Amino acid sequence: MKVLELLEDFQSKVDATANFPMSKKILLERDEVESLLSNIQTFLPDEMKHAKWIKEEREKILEEASLESEDILQRAKKEEREIIAEAKRQFEQMVTESEVLKEAEERAQELLAQARAEARDVRMNSYQYSEDMMLDLKEGLEGKLEIVLKDLHSLQDFLQK
């Protein structure tokens, strides 16, 4: 920056100039001081504008970075919420599927127990039916056997006479 160089040059001239005896006053050439001040005044507005522009650009960059970081943060929070919601949905689905599977297994066990009970009842009923039929057959055969035995005794009695 040109203004800083000019100010350093001015300071070095002040430092290089000797003081008046018994005071802190110095003697500088008017033309040199005026020339330095004129140069400083010439460059100062441009450098001030440039510094102001740099400051404004810096503020814009910081503001854009702040907005972008806020946007990134919002997107990250949204994505986090979506991921959490999806995880909850999958968890609930797995729990539901697990509950459905458990209920299906329980229902299958109930149906199996019911089928076994019904099969046992059918078997018992068929055994009972078979027993009833055999008893009826036995009674019928015993009745026929009595008739046959009676006829046989009658025939034997007839033959013995």
N, C-alpha and C. Protein backbone atom coordinates (compact mmCIF):
# COMPACT_ATOMS: atom_id res chain seq x y z
N MET A 1 0.84 -1.18 0.00
CA MET A 1 0.00 0.00 0.00
C MET A 1 0.89 1.25 0.00
N LYS A 2 0.64 2.09 -0.93
CA LYS A 2 1.47 3.28 -1.16
C LYS A 2 1.40 4.26 0.00
N VAL A 3 0.24 4.44 0.62
CA VAL A 3 0.09 5.40 1.72
C VAL A 3 0.97 4.99 2.88
N LEU A 4 1.02 3.71 3.21
CA LEU A 4 1.86 3.25 4.32
C LEU A 4 3.34 3.52 4.03
N GLU A 5 3.74 3.30 2.80
CA GLU A 5 5.14 3.58 2.42
C GLU A 5 5.45 5.08 2.59
N LEU A 6 4.52 5.92 2.16
CA LEU A 6 4.73 7.36 2.29
C LEU A 6 4.78 7.78 3.76
N LEU A 7 3.92 7.20 4.59
CA LEU A 7 3.95 7.52 6.03
C LEU A 7 5.25 7.04 6.67
N GLU A 8 5.75 5.89 6.27
CA GLU A 8 7.03 5.40 6.79
C GLU A 8 8.17 6.34 6.37
N ASP A 9 8.13 6.80 5.12
CA ASP A 9 9.13 7.74 4.62
C ASP A 9 9.10 9.04 5.44
N PHE A 10 7.90 9.53 5.72
CA PHE A 10 7.72 10.75 6.52
C PHE A 10 8.29 10.55 7.93
N GLN A 11 7.99 9.38 8.53
CA GLN A 11 8.47 9.08 9.88
C GLN A 11 10.00 9.01 9.89
N SER A 12 10.58 8.40 8.88
CA SER A 12 12.05 8.30 8.84
C SER A 12 12.71 9.69 8.70
N LYS A 13 12.06 10.59 7.95
CA LYS A 13 12.59 11.95 7.82
C LYS A 13 12.51 12.67 9.16
N VAL A 14 11.38 12.48 9.88
CA VAL A 14 11.23 13.11 11.20
C VAL A 14 12.29 12.56 12.14
N ASP A 15 12.49 11.23 12.10
CA ASP A 15 13.48 10.62 13.00
C ASP A 15 14.91 11.07 12.66
N ALA A 16 15.16 11.32 11.39
CA ALA A 16 16.52 11.69 10.95
C ALA A 16 16.85 13.17 11.21
N THR A 17 15.83 13.98 11.47
CA THR A 17 16.06 15.42 11.67
C THR A 17 16.43 15.69 13.13
N ALA A 18 17.37 16.54 13.32
CA ALA A 18 17.84 16.86 14.67
C ALA A 18 16.91 17.85 15.35
N ASN A 19 16.82 17.73 16.69
CA ASN A 19 15.98 18.63 17.49
C ASN A 19 16.70 19.97 17.68
N PHE A 20 15.88 21.03 17.89
CA PHE A 20 16.46 22.30 18.31
C PHE A 20 16.96 22.13 19.72
N PRO A 21 18.03 22.84 20.06
CA PRO A 21 18.56 22.68 21.42
C PRO A 21 17.50 23.03 22.46
N MET A 22 17.38 22.16 23.43
CA MET A 22 16.51 22.30 24.59
C MET A 22 15.02 22.29 24.24
N SER A 23 14.68 21.62 23.16
CA SER A 23 13.25 21.46 22.82
C SER A 23 13.07 20.19 21.97
N LYS A 24 11.82 19.87 21.77
CA LYS A 24 11.55 18.71 20.95
C LYS A 24 11.16 19.12 19.54
N LYS A 25 11.37 20.34 19.21
CA LYS A 25 11.01 20.84 17.91
C LYS A 25 12.09 20.47 16.91
N ILE A 26 11.61 20.27 15.64
CA ILE A 26 12.54 19.94 14.57
C ILE A 26 12.27 20.87 13.41
N LEU A 27 13.20 20.87 12.46
CA LEU A 27 13.07 21.71 11.29
C LEU A 27 13.06 20.82 10.07
N LEU A 28 11.93 20.89 9.36
CA LEU A 28 11.81 20.14 8.11
C LEU A 28 11.60 21.13 6.98
N GLU A 29 11.99 20.70 5.78
CA GLU A 29 11.77 21.56 4.64
C GLU A 29 10.31 21.49 4.26
N ARG A 30 9.73 22.67 4.10
CA ARG A 30 8.31 22.79 3.79
C ARG A 30 7.96 22.04 2.52
N ASP A 31 8.77 22.18 1.48
CA ASP A 31 8.47 21.53 0.20
C ASP A 31 8.39 20.01 0.35
N GLU A 32 9.33 19.48 1.11
CA GLU A 32 9.33 18.00 1.32
C GLU A 32 8.08 17.55 2.06
N VAL A 33 7.72 18.26 3.13
CA VAL A 33 6.54 17.90 3.93
C VAL A 33 5.29 18.05 3.09
N GLU A 34 5.18 19.15 2.35
CA GLU A 34 4.00 19.37 1.51
C GLU A 34 3.89 18.30 0.44
N SER A 35 5.03 17.94 -0.16
CA SER A 35 5.03 16.92 -1.20
C SER A 35 4.57 15.57 -0.62
N LEU A 36 5.09 15.20 0.55
CA LEU A 36 4.69 13.94 1.19
C LEU A 36 3.20 13.96 1.53
N LEU A 37 2.72 15.05 2.11
CA LEU A 37 1.30 15.15 2.47
C LEU A 37 0.41 15.12 1.22
N SER A 38 0.85 15.77 0.17
CA SER A 38 0.08 15.78 -1.08
C SER A 38 -0.02 14.36 -1.66
N ASN A 39 1.13 13.67 -1.64
CA ASN A 39 1.13 12.27 -2.14
C ASN A 39 0.21 11.39 -1.28
N ILE A 40 0.27 11.59 0.02
CA ILE A 40 -0.59 10.80 0.93
C ILE A 40 -2.05 11.10 0.63
N GLN A 41 -2.38 12.38 0.46
CA GLN A 41 -3.76 12.76 0.16
C GLN A 41 -4.19 12.20 -1.20
N THR A 42 -3.27 12.10 -2.12
CA THR A 42 -3.59 11.59 -3.45
C THR A 42 -3.92 10.09 -3.38
N PHE A 43 -3.08 9.35 -2.70
CA PHE A 43 -3.27 7.90 -2.65
C PHE A 43 -4.30 7.44 -1.61
N LEU A 44 -4.50 8.25 -0.62
CA LEU A 44 -5.38 7.85 0.47
C LEU A 44 -6.81 7.54 0.02
N PRO A 45 -7.47 8.37 -0.78
CA PRO A 45 -8.84 8.03 -1.18
C PRO A 45 -8.92 6.70 -1.95
N ASP A 46 -7.96 6.47 -2.87
CA ASP A 46 -7.98 5.21 -3.62
C ASP A 46 -7.79 4.02 -2.69
N GLU A 47 -6.83 4.14 -1.78
CA GLU A 47 -6.57 3.02 -0.87
C GLU A 47 -7.71 2.85 0.12
N MET A 48 -8.35 3.97 0.50
CA MET A 48 -9.52 3.87 1.39
C MET A 48 -10.65 3.16 0.65
N LYS A 49 -10.85 3.53 -0.63
CA LYS A 49 -11.88 2.86 -1.42
C LYS A 49 -11.56 1.36 -1.55
N HIS A 50 -10.28 1.09 -1.82
CA HIS A 50 -9.87 -0.31 -1.97
C HIS A 50 -10.07 -1.07 -0.65
N ALA A 51 -9.70 -0.44 0.47
CA ALA A 51 -9.87 -1.08 1.78
C ALA A 51 -11.35 -1.27 2.09
N LYS A 52 -12.17 -0.25 1.73
CA LYS A 52 -13.61 -0.36 1.95
C LYS A 52 -14.19 -1.49 1.10
N TRP A 53 -13.74 -1.56 -0.17
CA TRP A 53 -14.20 -2.63 -1.06
C TRP A 53 -13.81 -4.00 -0.49
N ILE A 54 -12.56 -4.13 -0.02
CA ILE A 54 -12.09 -5.38 0.57
C ILE A 54 -12.95 -5.73 1.79
N LYS A 55 -13.23 -4.71 2.61
CA LYS A 55 -14.06 -4.95 3.79
C LYS A 55 -15.45 -5.41 3.39
N GLU A 56 -16.06 -4.74 2.39
CA GLU A 56 -17.40 -5.13 1.94
C GLU A 56 -17.40 -6.54 1.34
N GLU A 57 -16.37 -6.82 0.54
CA GLU A 57 -16.26 -8.17 -0.05
C GLU A 57 -16.10 -9.22 1.05
N ARG A 58 -15.29 -8.89 2.05
CA ARG A 58 -15.10 -9.81 3.18
C ARG A 58 -16.43 -10.07 3.88
N GLU A 59 -17.19 -8.98 4.11
CA GLU A 59 -18.49 -9.11 4.77
C GLU A 59 -19.46 -9.93 3.92
N LYS A 60 -19.43 -9.70 2.58
CA LYS A 60 -20.28 -10.50 1.68
C LYS A 60 -19.90 -11.97 1.76
N ILE A 61 -18.60 -12.22 1.69
CA ILE A 61 -18.12 -13.62 1.75
C ILE A 61 -18.53 -14.27 3.07
N LEU A 62 -18.35 -13.51 4.17
CA LEU A 62 -18.74 -14.05 5.48
C LEU A 62 -20.24 -14.30 5.55
N GLU A 63 -21.03 -13.36 4.99
CA GLU A 63 -22.48 -13.52 5.00
C GLU A 63 -22.89 -14.72 4.14
N GLU A 64 -22.28 -14.83 2.95
CA GLU A 64 -22.59 -15.98 2.08
C GLU A 64 -22.18 -17.29 2.76
N ALA A 65 -21.02 -17.28 3.39
CA ALA A 65 -20.56 -18.48 4.09
C ALA A 65 -21.50 -18.81 5.24
N SER A 66 -21.95 -17.77 5.94
CA SER A 66 -22.89 -17.99 7.04
C SER A 66 -24.20 -18.57 6.52
N LEU A 67 -24.72 -17.99 5.43
CA LEU A 67 -25.96 -18.50 4.83
C LEU A 67 -25.78 -19.93 4.33
N GLU A 68 -24.65 -20.17 3.68
CA GLU A 68 -24.38 -21.52 3.16
C GLU A 68 -24.23 -22.51 4.31
N SER A 69 -23.55 -22.10 5.37
CA SER A 69 -23.39 -23.02 6.50
C SER A 69 -24.74 -23.28 7.16
N GLU A 70 -25.59 -22.25 7.23
CA GLU A 70 -26.94 -22.43 7.79
C GLU A 70 -27.74 -23.37 6.90
N ASP A 71 -27.62 -23.19 5.58
CA ASP A 71 -28.32 -24.07 4.64
C ASP A 71 -27.83 -25.52 4.79
N ILE A 72 -26.52 -25.68 4.88
CA ILE A 72 -25.95 -27.03 5.06
C ILE A 72 -26.43 -27.63 6.37
N LEU A 73 -26.45 -26.82 7.41
CA LEU A 73 -26.92 -27.29 8.71
C LEU A 73 -28.38 -27.71 8.65
N GLN A 74 -29.22 -26.88 7.97
CA GLN A 74 -30.64 -27.21 7.84
C GLN A 74 -30.83 -28.50 7.04
N ARG A 75 -30.07 -28.64 5.94
CA ARG A 75 -30.17 -29.87 5.14
C ARG A 75 -29.72 -31.08 5.95
N ALA A 76 -28.66 -30.89 6.74
CA ALA A 76 -28.17 -32.00 7.57
C ALA A 76 -29.21 -32.39 8.62
N LYS A 77 -29.84 -31.38 9.23
CA LYS A 77 -30.88 -31.67 10.22
C LYS A 77 -32.07 -32.38 9.57
N LYS A 78 -32.44 -31.90 8.36
CA LYS A 78 -33.55 -32.53 7.64
C LYS A 78 -33.20 -33.97 7.30
N GLU A 79 -31.99 -34.18 6.81
CA GLU A 79 -31.56 -35.55 6.47
C GLU A 79 -31.51 -36.42 7.72
N GLU A 80 -31.07 -35.84 8.83
CA GLU A 80 -31.04 -36.57 10.09
C GLU A 80 -32.45 -37.00 10.49
N ARG A 81 -33.41 -36.05 10.39
CA ARG A 81 -34.80 -36.37 10.73
C ARG A 81 -35.34 -37.47 9.81
N GLU A 82 -35.02 -37.37 8.51
CA GLU A 82 -35.48 -38.38 7.56
C GLU A 82 -34.89 -39.75 7.88
N ILE A 83 -33.61 -39.77 8.20
CA ILE A 83 -32.94 -41.04 8.53
C ILE A 83 -33.55 -41.64 9.80
N ILE A 84 -33.78 -40.79 10.79
CA ILE A 84 -34.39 -41.26 12.04
C ILE A 84 -35.80 -41.78 11.78
N ALA A 85 -36.56 -41.03 10.97
CA ALA A 85 -37.94 -41.46 10.66
C ALA A 85 -37.93 -42.79 9.92
N GLU A 86 -37.01 -42.94 8.96
CA GLU A 86 -36.91 -44.20 8.20
C GLU A 86 -36.50 -45.34 9.13
N ALA A 87 -35.57 -45.08 10.03
CA ALA A 87 -35.14 -46.11 10.98
C ALA A 87 -36.31 -46.53 11.88
N LYS A 88 -37.07 -45.53 12.35
CA LYS A 88 -38.24 -45.84 13.19
C LYS A 88 -39.26 -46.66 12.40
N ARG A 89 -39.49 -46.26 11.13
CA ARG A 89 -40.46 -46.97 10.30
C ARG A 89 -40.01 -48.42 10.10
N GLN A 90 -38.73 -48.61 9.79
CA GLN A 90 -38.21 -49.97 9.61
C GLN A 90 -38.30 -50.76 10.90
N PHE A 91 -37.99 -50.10 12.03
CA PHE A 91 -38.08 -50.79 13.31
C PHE A 91 -39.51 -51.22 13.59
N GLU A 92 -40.45 -50.28 13.37
CA GLU A 92 -41.86 -50.60 13.61
C GLU A 92 -42.33 -51.70 12.68
N GLN A 93 -41.85 -51.66 11.43
CA GLN A 93 -42.23 -52.71 10.48
C GLN A 93 -41.68 -54.06 10.94
N MET A 94 -40.43 -54.05 11.40
CA MET A 94 -39.84 -55.31 11.87
C MET A 94 -40.58 -55.81 13.11
N VAL A 95 -40.94 -54.88 14.01
CA VAL A 95 -41.69 -55.27 15.20
C VAL A 95 -43.04 -55.83 14.79
N THR A 96 -43.69 -55.13 13.85
CA THR A 96 -45.00 -55.58 13.38
C THR A 96 -44.88 -56.95 12.72
N GLU A 97 -43.87 -57.10 11.86
CA GLU A 97 -43.65 -58.40 11.20
C GLU A 97 -43.37 -59.48 12.24
N SER A 98 -42.60 -59.12 13.25
CA SER A 98 -42.29 -60.07 14.32
C SER A 98 -43.56 -60.45 15.07
N GLU A 99 -44.40 -59.43 15.34
CA GLU A 99 -45.66 -59.70 16.04
C GLU A 99 -46.59 -60.54 15.18
N VAL A 100 -46.64 -60.25 13.87
CA VAL A 100 -47.48 -61.02 12.95
C VAL A 100 -46.98 -62.46 12.90
N LEU A 101 -45.66 -62.61 12.82
CA LEU A 101 -45.07 -63.95 12.79
C LEU A 101 -45.40 -64.70 14.08
N LYS A 102 -45.28 -64.02 15.21
CA LYS A 102 -45.57 -64.63 16.51
C LYS A 102 -47.05 -65.03 16.57
N GLU A 103 -47.93 -64.12 16.12
CA GLU A 103 -49.36 -64.43 16.12
C GLU A 103 -49.66 -65.60 15.18
N ALA A 104 -48.98 -65.64 14.02
CA ALA A 104 -49.19 -66.73 13.07
C ALA A 104 -48.73 -68.06 13.68
N GLU A 105 -47.60 -68.03 14.37
CA GLU A 105 -47.11 -69.25 15.01
C GLU A 105 -48.08 -69.71 16.10
N GLU A 106 -48.57 -68.75 16.89
CA GLU A 106 -49.54 -69.11 17.93
C GLU A 106 -50.81 -69.68 17.33
N ARG A 107 -51.28 -69.06 16.25
CA ARG A 107 -52.50 -69.55 15.58
C ARG A 107 -52.26 -70.93 14.99
N ALA A 108 -51.07 -71.15 14.42
CA ALA A 108 -50.74 -72.46 13.86
C ALA A 108 -50.73 -73.52 14.96
N GLN A 109 -50.18 -73.16 16.11
CA GLN A 109 -50.17 -74.11 17.23
C GLN A 109 -51.59 -74.41 17.69
N GLU A 110 -52.43 -73.38 17.73
CA GLU A 110 -53.84 -73.60 18.12
C GLU A 110 -54.54 -74.51 17.12
N LEU A 111 -54.33 -74.23 15.82
CA LEU A 111 -54.96 -75.05 14.78
C LEU A 111 -54.46 -76.49 14.83
N LEU A 112 -53.17 -76.67 15.07
CA LEU A 112 -52.60 -78.01 15.17
C LEU A 112 -53.20 -78.75 16.36
N ALA A 113 -53.30 -78.09 17.50
CA ALA A 113 -53.89 -78.72 18.68
C ALA A 113 -55.36 -79.07 18.42
N GLN A 114 -56.07 -78.15 17.75
CA GLN A 114 -57.48 -78.40 17.43
C GLN A 114 -57.60 -79.57 16.45
N ALA A 115 -56.73 -79.64 15.45
CA ALA A 115 -56.76 -80.75 14.48
C ALA A 115 -56.46 -82.07 15.16
N ARG A 116 -55.50 -82.06 16.06
CA ARG A 116 -55.17 -83.31 16.79
C ARG A 116 -56.36 -83.75 17.65
N ALA A 117 -57.01 -82.78 18.30
CA ALA A 117 -58.16 -83.11 19.14
C ALA A 117 -59.30 -83.67 18.27
N GLU A 118 -59.52 -83.04 17.12
CA GLU A 118 -60.58 -83.51 16.23
C GLU A 118 -60.23 -84.89 15.69
N ALA A 119 -58.97 -85.14 15.34
CA ALA A 119 -58.56 -86.46 14.84
C ALA A 119 -58.75 -87.51 15.92
N ARG A 120 -58.40 -87.17 17.15
CA ARG A 120 -58.59 -88.10 18.27
C ARG A 120 -60.09 -88.41 18.44
N ASP A 121 -60.92 -87.37 18.34
CA ASP A 121 -62.36 -87.56 18.46
C ASP A 121 -62.88 -88.45 17.33
N VAL A 122 -62.41 -88.21 16.11
CA VAL A 122 -62.85 -89.03 14.97
C VAL A 122 -62.42 -90.48 15.18
N ARG A 123 -61.17 -90.69 15.63
CA ARG A 123 -60.69 -92.05 15.90
C ARG A 123 -61.54 -92.73 16.97
N MET A 124 -61.77 -92.00 18.04
CA MET A 124 -62.56 -92.57 19.13
C MET A 124 -63.98 -92.90 18.65
N ASN A 125 -64.55 -91.99 17.87
CA ASN A 125 -65.89 -92.24 17.34
C ASN A 125 -65.90 -93.44 16.40
N SER A 126 -64.84 -93.57 15.58
CA SER A 126 -64.80 -94.73 14.66
C SER A 126 -64.60 -96.02 15.45
N TYR A 127 -63.79 -95.98 16.52
CA TYR A 127 -63.63 -97.17 17.38
C TYR A 127 -64.97 -97.51 18.03
N GLN A 128 -65.62 -96.48 18.51
CA GLN A 128 -66.92 -96.69 19.16
C GLN A 128 -67.92 -97.28 18.16
N TYR A 129 -67.94 -96.73 16.95
CA TYR A 129 -68.84 -97.22 15.91
C TYR A 129 -68.53 -98.69 15.59
N SER A 130 -67.20 -98.97 15.46
CA SER A 130 -66.79 -100.35 15.16
C SER A 130 -67.22 -101.28 16.29
N GLU A 131 -67.02 -100.83 17.53
CA GLU A 131 -67.41 -101.66 18.67
C GLU A 131 -68.93 -101.89 18.65
N ASP A 132 -69.68 -100.81 18.42
CA ASP A 132 -71.14 -100.94 18.37
C ASP A 132 -71.56 -101.91 17.26
N MET A 133 -70.93 -101.80 16.09
CA MET A 133 -71.26 -102.70 14.98
C MET A 133 -70.92 -104.14 15.33
N MET A 134 -69.78 -104.35 15.96
CA MET A 134 -69.38 -105.72 16.32
C MET A 134 -70.31 -106.29 17.40
N LEU A 135 -70.70 -105.43 18.34
CA LEU A 135 -71.63 -105.90 19.37
C LEU A 135 -72.98 -106.27 18.74
N ASP A 136 -73.43 -105.41 17.80
CA ASP A 136 -74.67 -105.71 17.09
C ASP A 136 -74.52 -107.02 16.32
N LEU A 137 -73.38 -107.19 15.64
CA LEU A 137 -73.13 -108.41 14.89
C LEU A 137 -73.09 -109.62 15.81
N LYS A 138 -72.41 -109.42 16.98
CA LYS A 138 -72.34 -110.50 17.96
C LYS A 138 -73.73 -110.90 18.42
N GLU A 139 -74.55 -109.89 18.75
CA GLU A 139 -75.91 -110.17 19.20
C GLU A 139 -76.70 -110.90 18.10
N GLY A 140 -76.53 -110.38 16.87
CA GLY A 140 -77.21 -111.02 15.75
C GLY A 140 -76.74 -112.44 15.56
N LEU A 141 -75.41 -112.65 15.64
CA LEU A 141 -74.86 -113.99 15.46
C LEU A 141 -75.25 -114.91 16.62
N GLU A 142 -75.24 -114.33 17.83
CA GLU A 142 -75.65 -115.15 18.97
C GLU A 142 -77.11 -115.59 18.82
N GLY A 143 -77.94 -114.64 18.32
CA GLY A 143 -79.35 -114.97 18.08
C GLY A 143 -79.45 -116.08 17.04
N LYS A 144 -78.71 -115.98 15.97
CA LYS A 144 -78.71 -116.98 14.91
C LYS A 144 -78.15 -118.29 15.43
N LEU A 145 -77.07 -118.16 16.26
CA LEU A 145 -76.47 -119.37 16.82
C LEU A 145 -77.46 -120.10 17.71
N GLU A 146 -78.24 -119.36 18.48
CA GLU A 146 -79.27 -119.98 19.32
C GLU A 146 -80.29 -120.71 18.46
N ILE A 147 -80.67 -120.06 17.38
CA ILE A 147 -81.63 -120.70 16.49
C ILE A 147 -81.02 -121.95 15.89
N VAL A 148 -79.75 -121.85 15.44
CA VAL A 148 -79.06 -123.00 14.84
C VAL A 148 -78.92 -124.08 15.90
N LEU A 149 -78.53 -123.74 17.10
CA LEU A 149 -78.37 -124.73 18.16
C LEU A 149 -79.72 -125.36 18.53
N LYS A 150 -80.73 -124.56 18.54
CA LYS A 150 -82.08 -125.06 18.84
C LYS A 150 -82.50 -126.04 17.75
N ASP A 151 -82.29 -125.64 16.48
CA ASP A 151 -82.64 -126.53 15.37
C ASP A 151 -81.78 -127.79 15.43
N LEU A 152 -80.52 -127.66 15.79
CA LEU A 152 -79.64 -128.82 15.89
C LEU A 152 -80.12 -129.74 16.99
N HIS A 153 -80.53 -129.26 18.13
CA HIS A 153 -81.06 -130.08 19.22
C HIS A 153 -82.36 -130.76 18.80
N SER A 154 -83.16 -129.99 18.08
CA SER A 154 -84.41 -130.57 17.60
C SER A 154 -84.10 -131.71 16.64
N LEU A 155 -83.15 -131.52 15.78
CA LEU A 155 -82.80 -132.56 14.83
C LEU A 155 -82.19 -133.75 15.54
N GLN A 156 -81.38 -133.52 16.50
CA GLN A 156 -80.77 -134.62 17.26
C GLN A 156 -81.84 -135.38 18.05
N ASP A 157 -82.77 -134.61 18.62
CA ASP A 157 -83.86 -135.26 19.35
C ASP A 157 -84.69 -136.12 18.39
N PHE A 158 -84.95 -135.62 17.26
CA PHE A 158 -85.74 -136.35 16.27
C PHE A 158 -85.00 -137.63 15.85
N LEU A 159 -83.69 -137.49 15.68
CA LEU A 159 -82.89 -138.62 15.22
C LEU A 159 -82.77 -139.66 16.36
N GLN A 160 -82.84 -139.32 17.52
CA GLN A 160 -82.71 -140.26 18.62
C GLN A 160 -84.06 -140.93 18.88
N LYS A 161 -85.03 -140.56 18.47
CA LYS A 161 -86.31 -141.18 18.69
C LYS A 161 -86.59 -142.18 17.70
